[in-house]
Amino acid sequence: MKPDLKSIYKFKVLIAGAVFAVLFTVSQFVSSPSQAQANCGERKAIVNILGDRYAEKPVATGMTQGGGVVEVFAARDGSWTMIVTMPSGYACFMAAGEDWENLSVFAQGA
């Protein structure tokens, strides 16, 4: 039994629609280079933005295995931002949020 042209056309339209849906979905999760670049810059400039716009100051820091420095900046209103700075001085935003709370576990010796 040989498929008719109408069935072949419907199948091609269905496949094209599925491919478009997959590509559209993937494009929503992949940032373009211009978007990625907007989230990085010189550490000094990023620290100034966090302080001037959001009143965030450093509250935690740590070193990555790759030599980067991870810092958390927080404000009294609970807003916080995490950045990573590479040895070159180039820094990128990693995460941001609300309701930051400093824990005193290390200070109490627990």
PDB file of N, CA and C in Angstrom:
ATOM      1  N   MET A   1       0.844  -1.174   0.000  1.00  0.00           N
ATOM      2  CA  MET A   1       0.000   0.000   0.000  1.00  0.00           C
ATOM      3  C   MET A   1       0.892   1.241   0.000  1.00  0.00           C
ATOM      4  N   LYS A   2       0.685   2.106  -0.955  1.00  0.00           N
ATOM      5  CA  LYS A   2       1.496   3.299  -1.157  1.00  0.00           C
ATOM      6  C   LYS A   2       0.818   4.501  -0.488  1.00  0.00           C
ATOM      7  N   PRO A   3       1.583   5.284   0.355  1.00  0.00           N
ATOM      8  CA  PRO A   3       0.972   6.445   1.000  1.00  0.00           C
ATOM      9  C   PRO A   3       0.626   7.523  -0.029  1.00  0.00           C
ATOM     10  N   ASP A   4      -0.476   8.204   0.189  1.00  0.00           N
ATOM     11  CA  ASP A   4      -0.860   9.267  -0.737  1.00  0.00           C
ATOM     12  C   ASP A   4      -0.134  10.564  -0.388  1.00  0.00           C
ATOM     13  N   LEU A   5      -0.163  11.516  -1.297  1.00  0.00           N
ATOM     14  CA  LEU A   5       0.553  12.781  -1.115  1.00  0.00           C
ATOM     15  C   LEU A   5       0.032  13.579   0.077  1.00  0.00           C
ATOM     16  N   LYS A   6      -1.264  13.490   0.333  1.00  0.00           N
ATOM     17  CA  LYS A   6      -1.845  14.227   1.450  1.00  0.00           C
ATOM     18  C   LYS A   6      -1.273  13.726   2.782  1.00  0.00           C
ATOM     19  N   SER A   7      -1.114  12.434   2.932  1.00  0.00           N
ATOM     20  CA  SER A   7      -0.545  11.858   4.156  1.00  0.00           C
ATOM     21  C   SER A   7       0.913  12.255   4.316  1.00  0.00           C
ATOM     22  N   ILE A   8       1.662  12.251   3.227  1.00  0.00           N
ATOM     23  CA  ILE A   8       3.071  12.647   3.272  1.00  0.00           C
ATOM     24  C   ILE A   8       3.181  14.112   3.676  1.00  0.00           C
ATOM     25  N   TYR A   9       2.343  14.968   3.112  1.00  0.00           N
ATOM     26  CA  TYR A   9       2.358  16.390   3.439  1.00  0.00           C
ATOM     27  C   TYR A   9       2.048  16.607   4.925  1.00  0.00           C
ATOM     28  N   LYS A  10       1.017  15.927   5.450  1.00  0.00           N
ATOM     29  CA  LYS A  10       0.668  16.058   6.866  1.00  0.00           C
ATOM     30  C   LYS A  10       1.834  15.617   7.754  1.00  0.00           C
ATOM     31  N   PHE A  11       2.496  14.531   7.374  1.00  0.00           N
ATOM     32  CA  PHE A  11       3.631  14.035   8.151  1.00  0.00           C
ATOM     33  C   PHE A  11       4.764  15.056   8.150  1.00  0.00           C
ATOM     34  N   LYS A  12       5.061  15.660   6.995  1.00  0.00           N
ATOM     35  CA  LYS A  12       6.125  16.665   6.913  1.00  0.00           C
ATOM     36  C   LYS A  12       5.786  17.896   7.747  1.00  0.00           C
ATOM     37  N   VAL A  13       4.548  18.322   7.728  1.00  0.00           N
ATOM     38  CA  VAL A  13       4.124  19.471   8.526  1.00  0.00           C
ATOM     39  C   VAL A  13       4.252  19.147  10.014  1.00  0.00           C
ATOM     40  N   LEU A  14       3.872  17.936  10.391  1.00  0.00           N
ATOM     41  CA  LEU A  14       3.986  17.513  11.783  1.00  0.00           C
ATOM     42  C   LEU A  14       5.443  17.510  12.236  1.00  0.00           C
ATOM     43  N   ILE A  15       6.335  16.975  11.424  1.00  0.00           N
ATOM     44  CA  ILE A  15       7.762  16.934  11.749  1.00  0.00           C
ATOM     45  C   ILE A  15       8.328  18.357  11.833  1.00  0.00           C
ATOM     46  N   ALA A  16       7.987  19.202  10.873  1.00  0.00           N
ATOM     47  CA  ALA A  16       8.482  20.582  10.879  1.00  0.00           C
ATOM     48  C   ALA A  16       8.003  21.317  12.132  1.00  0.00           C
ATOM     49  N   GLY A  17       6.759  21.108  12.516  1.00  0.00           N
ATOM     50  CA  GLY A  17       6.231  21.730  13.725  1.00  0.00           C
ATOM     51  C   GLY A  17       6.952  21.248  14.977  1.00  0.00           C
ATOM     52  N   ALA A  18       7.231  19.958  15.031  1.00  0.00           N
ATOM     53  CA  ALA A  18       7.947  19.404  16.185  1.00  0.00           C
ATOM     54  C   ALA A  18       9.362  19.961  16.266  1.00  0.00           C
ATOM     55  N   VAL A  19      10.043  20.045  15.132  1.00  0.00           N
ATOM     56  CA  VAL A  19      11.399  20.600  15.106  1.00  0.00           C
ATOM     57  C   VAL A  19      11.371  22.058  15.554  1.00  0.00           C
ATOM     58  N   PHE A  20      10.428  22.832  15.065  1.00  0.00           N
ATOM     59  CA  PHE A  20      10.310  24.231  15.465  1.00  0.00           C
ATOM     60  C   PHE A  20      10.067  24.347  16.965  1.00  0.00           C
ATOM     61  N   ALA A  21       9.186  23.519  17.502  1.00  0.00           N
ATOM     62  CA  ALA A  21       8.888  23.570  18.937  1.00  0.00           C
ATOM     63  C   ALA A  21      10.125  23.258  19.775  1.00  0.00           C
ATOM     64  N   VAL A  22      10.888  22.261  19.366  1.00  0.00           N
ATOM     65  CA  VAL A  22      12.105  21.903  20.100  1.00  0.00           C
ATOM     66  C   VAL A  22      13.119  23.042  20.024  1.00  0.00           C
ATOM     67  N   LEU A  23      13.333  23.592  18.832  1.00  0.00           N
ATOM     68  CA  LEU A  23      14.296  24.683  18.679  1.00  0.00           C
ATOM     69  C   LEU A  23      13.876  25.914  19.477  1.00  0.00           C
ATOM     70  N   PHE A  24      12.609  26.225  19.474  1.00  0.00           N
ATOM     71  CA  PHE A  24      12.119  27.370  20.234  1.00  0.00           C
ATOM     72  C   PHE A  24      12.337  27.158  21.729  1.00  0.00           C
ATOM     73  N   THR A  25      12.021  25.970  22.209  1.00  0.00           N
ATOM     74  CA  THR A  25      12.202  25.666  23.630  1.00  0.00           C
ATOM     75  C   THR A  25      13.665  25.761  24.033  1.00  0.00           C
ATOM     76  N   VAL A  26      14.549  25.186  23.232  1.00  0.00           N
ATOM     77  CA  VAL A  26      15.980  25.229  23.534  1.00  0.00           C
ATOM     78  C   VAL A  26      16.483  26.668  23.522  1.00  0.00           C
ATOM     79  N   SER A  27      16.016  27.467  22.585  1.00  0.00           N
ATOM     80  CA  SER A  27      16.492  28.851  22.492  1.00  0.00           C
ATOM     81  C   SER A  27      16.119  29.670  23.722  1.00  0.00           C
ATOM     82  N   GLN A  28      15.075  29.274  24.432  1.00  0.00           N
ATOM     83  CA  GLN A  28      14.672  29.998  25.638  1.00  0.00           C
ATOM     84  C   GLN A  28      15.625  29.752  26.804  1.00  0.00           C
ATOM     85  N   PHE A  29      16.366  28.641  26.746  1.00  0.00           N
ATOM     86  CA  PHE A  29      17.266  28.287  27.839  1.00  0.00           C
ATOM     87  C   PHE A  29      18.721  28.596  27.550  1.00  0.00           C
ATOM     88  N   VAL A  30      19.048  28.942  26.332  1.00  0.00           N
ATOM     89  CA  VAL A  30      20.428  29.234  25.956  1.00  0.00           C
ATOM     90  C   VAL A  30      20.559  30.735  25.777  1.00  0.00           C
ATOM     91  N   SER A  31      21.472  31.341  26.522  1.00  0.00           N
ATOM     92  CA  SER A  31      21.644  32.789  26.401  1.00  0.00           C
ATOM     93  C   SER A  31      22.577  33.102  25.242  1.00  0.00           C
ATOM     94  N   SER A  32      22.327  34.202  24.618  1.00  0.00           N
ATOM     95  CA  SER A  32      23.193  34.635  23.528  1.00  0.00           C
ATOM     96  C   SER A  32      24.475  35.209  24.117  1.00  0.00           C
ATOM     97  N   PRO A  33      25.554  35.289  23.338  1.00  0.00           N
ATOM     98  CA  PRO A  33      26.794  35.860  23.863  1.00  0.00           C
ATOM     99  C   PRO A  33      26.625  37.270  24.409  1.00  0.00           C
ATOM    100  N   SER A  34      25.769  38.070  23.786  1.00  0.00           N
ATOM    101  CA  SER A  34      25.592  39.434  24.282  1.00  0.00           C
ATOM    102  C   SER A  34      24.941  39.436  25.659  1.00  0.00           C
ATOM    103  N   GLN A  35      24.026  38.498  25.919  1.00  0.00           N
ATOM    104  CA  GLN A  35      23.417  38.413  27.242  1.00  0.00           C
ATOM    105  C   GLN A  35      24.429  37.925  28.267  1.00  0.00           C
ATOM    106  N   ALA A  36      25.243  36.952  27.885  1.00  0.00           N
ATOM    107  CA  ALA A  36      26.236  36.419  28.814  1.00  0.00           C
ATOM    108  C   ALA A  36      27.269  37.486  29.161  1.00  0.00           C
ATOM    109  N   GLN A  37      27.679  38.272  28.184  1.00  0.00           N
ATOM    110  CA  GLN A  37      28.672  39.300  28.431  1.00  0.00           C
ATOM    111  C   GLN A  37      28.136  40.388  29.349  1.00  0.00           C
ATOM    112  N   ALA A  38      26.841  40.640  29.300  1.00  0.00           N
ATOM    113  CA  ALA A  38      26.255  41.687  30.127  1.00  0.00           C
ATOM    114  C   ALA A  38      26.318  41.323  31.608  1.00  0.00           C
ATOM    115  N   ASN A  39      26.518  40.044  31.949  1.00  0.00           N
ATOM    116  CA  ASN A  39      26.556  39.598  33.331  1.00  0.00           C
ATOM    117  C   ASN A  39      27.966  39.521  33.891  1.00  0.00           C
ATOM    118  N   CYS A  40      28.949  39.977  33.153  1.00  0.00           N
ATOM    119  CA  CYS A  40      30.346  39.919  33.580  1.00  0.00           C
ATOM    120  C   CYS A  40      31.023  41.264  33.345  1.00  0.00           C
ATOM    121  N   GLY A  41      32.128  41.472  34.027  1.00  0.00           N
ATOM    122  CA  GLY A  41      32.890  42.700  33.843  1.00  0.00           C
ATOM    123  C   GLY A  41      34.012  42.775  34.857  1.00  0.00           C
ATOM    124  N   GLU A  42      34.633  43.924  34.937  1.00  0.00           N
ATOM    125  CA  GLU A  42      35.702  44.119  35.911  1.00  0.00           C
ATOM    126  C   GLU A  42      35.113  44.089  37.326  1.00  0.00           C
ATOM    127  N   ARG A  43      35.793  43.418  38.238  1.00  0.00           N
ATOM    128  CA  ARG A  43      35.293  43.265  39.606  1.00  0.00           C
ATOM    129  C   ARG A  43      34.987  44.612  40.246  1.00  0.00           C
ATOM    130  N   LYS A  44      35.876  45.554  40.088  1.00  0.00           N
ATOM    131  CA  LYS A  44      35.690  46.871  40.714  1.00  0.00           C
ATOM    132  C   LYS A  44      34.368  47.508  40.280  1.00  0.00           C
ATOM    133  N   ALA A  45      34.050  47.415  38.993  1.00  0.00           N
ATOM    134  CA  ALA A  45      32.803  47.994  38.482  1.00  0.00           C
ATOM    135  C   ALA A  45      31.591  47.265  39.059  1.00  0.00           C
ATOM    136  N   ILE A  46      31.672  45.940  39.146  1.00  0.00           N
ATOM    137  CA  ILE A  46      30.552  45.162  39.686  1.00  0.00           C
ATOM    138  C   ILE A  46      30.341  45.479  41.163  1.00  0.00           C
ATOM    139  N   VAL A  47      31.422  45.556  41.929  1.00  0.00           N
ATOM    140  CA  VAL A  47      31.318  45.884  43.354  1.00  0.00           C
ATOM    141  C   VAL A  47      30.695  47.270  43.533  1.00  0.00           C
ATOM    142  N   ASN A  48      31.075  48.221  42.686  1.00  0.00           N
ATOM    143  CA  ASN A  48      30.483  49.565  42.757  1.00  0.00           C
ATOM    144  C   ASN A  48      28.987  49.526  42.482  1.00  0.00           C
ATOM    145  N   ILE A  49      28.575  48.753  41.488  1.00  0.00           N
ATOM    146  CA  ILE A  49      27.145  48.631  41.168  1.00  0.00           C
ATOM    147  C   ILE A  49      26.390  48.040  42.352  1.00  0.00           C
ATOM    148  N   LEU A  50      26.934  46.968  42.927  1.00  0.00           N
ATOM    149  CA  LEU A  50      26.258  46.323  44.056  1.00  0.00           C
ATOM    150  C   LEU A  50      26.134  47.275  45.244  1.00  0.00           C
ATOM    151  N   GLY A  51      27.156  48.057  45.493  1.00  0.00           N
ATOM    152  CA  GLY A  51      27.111  49.001  46.609  1.00  0.00           C
ATOM    153  C   GLY A  51      26.220  50.193  46.345  1.00  0.00           C
ATOM    154  N   ASP A  52      26.373  50.794  45.168  1.00  0.00           N
ATOM    155  CA  ASP A  52      25.634  52.020  44.851  1.00  0.00           C
ATOM    156  C   ASP A  52      24.149  51.769  44.616  1.00  0.00           C
ATOM    157  N   ARG A  53      23.812  50.755  43.851  1.00  0.00           N
ATOM    158  CA  ARG A  53      22.408  50.510  43.493  1.00  0.00           C
ATOM    159  C   ARG A  53      21.643  49.718  44.544  1.00  0.00           C
ATOM    160  N   TYR A  54      22.325  48.769  45.192  1.00  0.00           N
ATOM    161  CA  TYR A  54      21.612  47.835  46.064  1.00  0.00           C
ATOM    162  C   TYR A  54      22.062  47.883  47.525  1.00  0.00           C
ATOM    163  N   ALA A  55      23.038  48.729  47.844  1.00  0.00           N
ATOM    164  CA  ALA A  55      23.588  48.842  49.206  1.00  0.00           C
ATOM    165  C   ALA A  55      24.105  47.499  49.716  1.00  0.00           C
ATOM    166  N   GLU A  56      24.607  46.669  48.811  1.00  0.00           N
ATOM    167  CA  GLU A  56      25.138  45.363  49.194  1.00  0.00           C
ATOM    168  C   GLU A  56      26.635  45.456  49.466  1.00  0.00           C
ATOM    169  N   LYS A  57      27.047  44.800  50.534  1.00  0.00           N
ATOM    170  CA  LYS A  57      28.450  44.772  50.946  1.00  0.00           C
ATOM    171  C   LYS A  57      28.878  43.318  51.115  1.00  0.00           C
ATOM    172  N   PRO A  58      30.184  43.024  51.025  1.00  0.00           N
ATOM    173  CA  PRO A  58      30.647  41.638  51.158  1.00  0.00           C
ATOM    174  C   PRO A  58      30.322  41.059  52.539  1.00  0.00           C
ATOM    175  N   VAL A  59      29.776  39.827  52.547  1.00  0.00           N
ATOM    176  CA  VAL A  59      29.474  39.143  53.812  1.00  0.00           C
ATOM    177  C   VAL A  59      30.095  37.747  53.876  1.00  0.00           C
ATOM    178  N   ALA A  60      30.526  37.203  52.735  1.00  0.00           N
ATOM    179  CA  ALA A  60      31.131  35.868  52.717  1.00  0.00           C
ATOM    180  C   ALA A  60      32.046  35.758  51.509  1.00  0.00           C
ATOM    181  N   THR A  61      33.073  34.936  51.639  1.00  0.00           N
ATOM    182  CA  THR A  61      34.011  34.745  50.536  1.00  0.00           C
ATOM    183  C   THR A  61      34.619  33.351  50.620  1.00  0.00           C
ATOM    184  N   GLY A  62      35.045  32.837  49.484  1.00  0.00           N
ATOM    185  CA  GLY A  62      35.698  31.531  49.435  1.00  0.00           C
ATOM    186  C   GLY A  62      36.457  31.375  48.130  1.00  0.00           C
ATOM    187  N   MET A  63      37.392  30.440  48.120  1.00  0.00           N
ATOM    188  CA  MET A  63      38.238  30.202  46.947  1.00  0.00           C
ATOM    189  C   MET A  63      37.779  28.927  46.239  1.00  0.00           C
ATOM    190  N   THR A  64      37.676  28.981  44.906  1.00  0.00           N
ATOM    191  CA  THR A  64      37.335  27.793  44.128  1.00  0.00           C
ATOM    192  C   THR A  64      38.600  27.002  43.825  1.00  0.00           C
ATOM    193  N   GLN A  65      38.430  25.758  43.397  1.00  0.00           N
ATOM    194  CA  GLN A  65      39.580  24.938  43.026  1.00  0.00           C
ATOM    195  C   GLN A  65      40.312  25.521  41.831  1.00  0.00           C
ATOM    196  N   GLY A  66      39.598  26.263  40.997  1.00  0.00           N
ATOM    197  CA  GLY A  66      40.199  26.863  39.815  1.00  0.00           C
ATOM    198  C   GLY A  66      40.888  28.192  40.076  1.00  0.00           C
ATOM    199  N   GLY A  67      40.928  28.633  41.315  1.00  0.00           N
ATOM    200  CA  GLY A  67      41.593  29.890  41.635  1.00  0.00           C
ATOM    201  C   GLY A  67      40.679  31.094  41.637  1.00  0.00           C
ATOM    202  N   GLY A  68      39.399  30.889  41.388  1.00  0.00           N
ATOM    203  CA  GLY A  68      38.448  31.993  41.433  1.00  0.00           C
ATOM    204  C   GLY A  68      38.034  32.291  42.864  1.00  0.00           C
ATOM    205  N   VAL A  69      37.618  33.505  43.088  1.00  0.00           N
ATOM    206  CA  VAL A  69      37.130  33.911  44.405  1.00  0.00           C
ATOM    207  C   VAL A  69      35.621  34.102  44.311  1.00  0.00           C
ATOM    208  N   VAL A  70      34.884  33.366  45.131  1.00  0.00           N
ATOM    209  CA  VAL A  70      33.433  33.502  45.196  1.00  0.00           C
ATOM    210  C   VAL A  70      33.119  34.436  46.358  1.00  0.00           C
ATOM    211  N   GLU A  71      32.270  35.426  46.092  1.00  0.00           N
ATOM    212  CA  GLU A  71      31.891  36.384  47.125  1.00  0.00           C
ATOM    213  C   GLU A  71      30.378  36.524  47.165  1.00  0.00           C
ATOM    214  N   VAL A  72      29.862  36.673  48.360  1.00  0.00           N
ATOM    215  CA  VAL A  72      28.447  36.986  48.539  1.00  0.00           C
ATOM    216  C   VAL A  72      28.368  38.392  49.106  1.00  0.00           C
ATOM    217  N   PHE A  73      27.552  39.215  48.464  1.00  0.00           N
ATOM    218  CA  PHE A  73      27.288  40.581  48.908  1.00  0.00           C
ATOM    219  C   PHE A  73      25.839  40.610  49.384  1.00  0.00           C
ATOM    220  N   ALA A  74      25.578  41.267  50.489  1.00  0.00           N
ATOM    221  CA  ALA A  74      24.215  41.334  51.004  1.00  0.00           C
ATOM    222  C   ALA A  74      23.937  42.725  51.559  1.00  0.00           C
ATOM    223  N   ALA A  75      22.652  43.050  51.586  1.00  0.00           N
ATOM    224  CA  ALA A  75      22.195  44.337  52.127  1.00  0.00           C
ATOM    225  C   ALA A  75      21.336  44.077  53.359  1.00  0.00           C
ATOM    226  N   ARG A  76      21.115  45.115  54.143  1.00  0.00           N
ATOM    227  CA  ARG A  76      20.300  44.988  55.356  1.00  0.00           C
ATOM    228  C   ARG A  76      18.870  44.569  55.045  1.00  0.00           C
ATOM    229  N   ASP A  77      18.380  44.900  53.833  1.00  0.00           N
ATOM    230  CA  ASP A  77      17.006  44.526  53.486  1.00  0.00           C
ATOM    231  C   ASP A  77      16.891  43.058  53.073  1.00  0.00           C
ATOM    232  N   GLY A  78      18.021  42.323  53.057  1.00  0.00           N
ATOM    233  CA  GLY A  78      17.994  40.896  52.739  1.00  0.00           C
ATOM    234  C   GLY A  78      18.359  40.553  51.310  1.00  0.00           C
ATOM    235  N   SER A  79      18.494  41.545  50.437  1.00  0.00           N
ATOM    236  CA  SER A  79      18.895  41.232  49.061  1.00  0.00           C
ATOM    237  C   SER A  79      20.344  40.761  49.067  1.00  0.00           C
ATOM    238  N   TRP A  80      20.684  39.844  48.155  1.00  0.00           N
ATOM    239  CA  TRP A  80      22.050  39.338  48.090  1.00  0.00           C
ATOM    240  C   TRP A  80      22.418  38.995  46.658  1.00  0.00           C
ATOM    241  N   THR A  81      23.723  39.005  46.401  1.00  0.00           N
ATOM    242  CA  THR A  81      24.273  38.682  45.086  1.00  0.00           C
ATOM    243  C   THR A  81      25.548  37.883  45.286  1.00  0.00           C
ATOM    244  N   MET A  82      25.720  36.847  44.471  1.00  0.00           N
ATOM    245  CA  MET A  82      26.942  36.046  44.499  1.00  0.00           C
ATOM    246  C   MET A  82      27.693  36.273  43.192  1.00  0.00           C
ATOM    247  N   ILE A  83      28.996  36.563  43.296  1.00  0.00           N
ATOM    248  CA  ILE A  83      29.830  36.729  42.112  1.00  0.00           C
ATOM    249  C   ILE A  83      31.043  35.817  42.228  1.00  0.00           C
ATOM    250  N   VAL A  84      31.661  35.529  41.097  1.00  0.00           N
ATOM    251  CA  VAL A  84      32.944  34.826  41.087  1.00  0.00           C
ATOM    252  C   VAL A  84      33.918  35.700  40.311  1.00  0.00           C
ATOM    253  N   THR A  85      35.102  35.886  40.878  1.00  0.00           N
ATOM    254  CA  THR A  85      36.141  36.692  40.245  1.00  0.00           C
ATOM    255  C   THR A  85      37.318  35.795  39.922  1.00  0.00           C
ATOM    256  N   MET A  86      37.750  35.823  38.680  1.00  0.00           N
ATOM    257  CA  MET A  86      38.893  35.027  38.258  1.00  0.00           C
ATOM    258  C   MET A  86      40.181  35.789  38.576  1.00  0.00           C
ATOM    259  N   PRO A  87      41.331  35.102  38.578  1.00  0.00           N
ATOM    260  CA  PRO A  87      42.595  35.776  38.895  1.00  0.00           C
ATOM    261  C   PRO A  87      42.882  36.995  38.016  1.00  0.00           C
ATOM    262  N   SER A  88      42.302  37.030  36.827  1.00  0.00           N
ATOM    263  CA  SER A  88      42.505  38.164  35.920  1.00  0.00           C
ATOM    264  C   SER A  88      41.781  39.427  36.386  1.00  0.00           C
ATOM    265  N   GLY A  89      40.869  39.292  37.356  1.00  0.00           N
ATOM    266  CA  GLY A  89      40.080  40.433  37.805  1.00  0.00           C
ATOM    267  C   GLY A  89      38.722  40.507  37.137  1.00  0.00           C
ATOM    268  N   TYR A  90      38.468  39.608  36.188  1.00  0.00           N
ATOM    269  CA  TYR A  90      37.189  39.554  35.485  1.00  0.00           C
ATOM    270  C   TYR A  90      36.189  38.825  36.377  1.00  0.00           C
ATOM    271  N   ALA A  91      35.032  39.412  36.605  1.00  0.00           N
ATOM    272  CA  ALA A  91      34.041  38.843  37.519  1.00  0.00           C
ATOM    273  C   ALA A  91      32.716  38.631  36.807  1.00  0.00           C
ATOM    274  N   CYS A  92      31.959  37.643  37.269  1.00  0.00           N
ATOM    275  CA  CYS A  92      30.638  37.343  36.710  1.00  0.00           C
ATOM    276  C   CYS A  92      29.633  37.128  37.835  1.00  0.00           C
ATOM    277  N   PHE A  93      28.401  37.571  37.588  1.00  0.00           N
ATOM    278  CA  PHE A  93      27.312  37.306  38.517  1.00  0.00           C
ATOM    279  C   PHE A  93      26.971  35.825  38.445  1.00  0.00           C
ATOM    280  N   MET A  94      26.781  35.196  39.597  1.00  0.00           N
ATOM    281  CA  MET A  94      26.412  33.782  39.643  1.00  0.00           C
ATOM    282  C   MET A  94      24.956  33.601  40.046  1.00  0.00           C
ATOM    283  N   ALA A  95      24.518  34.366  41.036  1.00  0.00           N
ATOM    284  CA  ALA A  95      23.153  34.222  41.538  1.00  0.00           C
ATOM    285  C   ALA A  95      22.793  35.469  42.332  1.00  0.00           C
ATOM    286  N   ALA A  96      21.508  35.648  42.537  1.00  0.00           N
ATOM    287  CA  ALA A  96      21.014  36.760  43.351  1.00  0.00           C
ATOM    288  C   ALA A  96      19.687  36.343  43.955  1.00  0.00           C
ATOM    289  N   GLY A  97      19.335  36.973  45.060  1.00  0.00           N
ATOM    290  CA  GLY A  97      18.078  36.610  45.684  1.00  0.00           C
ATOM    291  C   GLY A  97      17.700  37.541  46.809  1.00  0.00           C
ATOM    292  N   GLU A  98      16.800  37.058  47.645  1.00  0.00           N
ATOM    293  CA  GLU A  98      16.273  37.832  48.764  1.00  0.00           C
ATOM    294  C   GLU A  98      16.381  37.013  50.047  1.00  0.00           C
ATOM    295  N   ASP A  99      16.127  37.665  51.155  1.00  0.00           N
ATOM    296  CA  ASP A  99      16.066  37.031  52.474  1.00  0.00           C
ATOM    297  C   ASP A  99      17.388  36.424  52.917  1.00  0.00           C
ATOM    298  N   TRP A 100      18.505  37.112  52.644  1.00  0.00           N
ATOM    299  CA  TRP A 100      19.807  36.640  53.125  1.00  0.00           C
ATOM    300  C   TRP A 100      19.826  36.715  54.646  1.00  0.00           C
ATOM    301  N   GLU A 101      20.398  35.691  55.265  1.00  0.00           N
ATOM    302  CA  GLU A 101      20.528  35.673  56.718  1.00  0.00           C
ATOM    303  C   GLU A 101      21.923  35.187  57.070  1.00  0.00           C
ATOM    304  N   ASN A 102      22.655  35.978  57.832  1.00  0.00           N
ATOM    305  CA  ASN A 102      23.979  35.562  58.291  1.00  0.00           C
ATOM    306  C   ASN A 102      23.828  34.598  59.456  1.00  0.00           C
ATOM    307  N   LEU A 103      24.492  33.465  59.343  1.00  0.00           N
ATOM    308  CA  LEU A 103      24.477  32.484  60.421  1.00  0.00           C
ATOM    309  C   LEU A 103      25.757  32.625  61.228  1.00  0.00           C
ATOM    310  N   SER A 104      25.662  32.472  62.507  1.00  0.00           N
ATOM    311  CA  SER A 104      26.837  32.644  63.359  1.00  0.00           C
ATOM    312  C   SER A 104      27.391  31.300  63.833  1.00  0.00           C
ATOM    313  N   VAL A 105      27.274  30.262  63.030  1.00  0.00           N
ATOM    314  CA  VAL A 105      27.712  28.922  63.404  1.00  0.00           C
ATOM    315  C   VAL A 105      29.201  28.900  63.711  1.00  0.00           C
ATOM    316  N   PHE A 106      30.023  29.467  62.833  1.00  0.00           N
ATOM    317  CA  PHE A 106      31.464  29.452  63.047  1.00  0.00           C
ATOM    318  C   PHE A 106      31.862  30.334  64.225  1.00  0.00           C
ATOM    319  N   ALA A 107      31.188  31.438  64.388  1.00  0.00           N
ATOM    320  CA  ALA A 107      31.515  32.352  65.478  1.00  0.00           C
ATOM    321  C   ALA A 107      31.253  31.708  66.838  1.00  0.00           C
ATOM    322  N   GLN A 108      30.257  30.826  66.923  1.00  0.00           N
ATOM    323  CA  GLN A 108      29.918  30.174  68.181  1.00  0.00           C
ATOM    324  C   GLN A 108      30.731  28.903  68.398  1.00  0.00           C
ATOM    325  N   GLY A 109      31.484  28.493  67.386  1.00  0.00           N
ATOM    326  CA  GLY A 109      32.288  27.288  67.517  1.00  0.00           C
ATOM    327  C   GLY A 109      31.512  26.008  67.333  1.00  0.00           C
ATOM    328  N   ALA A 110      30.341  26.065  66.766  1.00  0.00           N
ATOM    329  CA  ALA A 110      29.519  24.867  66.571  1.00  0.00           C
ATOM    330  C   ALA A 110      29.958  24.061  65.381  1.00  0.00           C
TER     331      ALA A 110
END
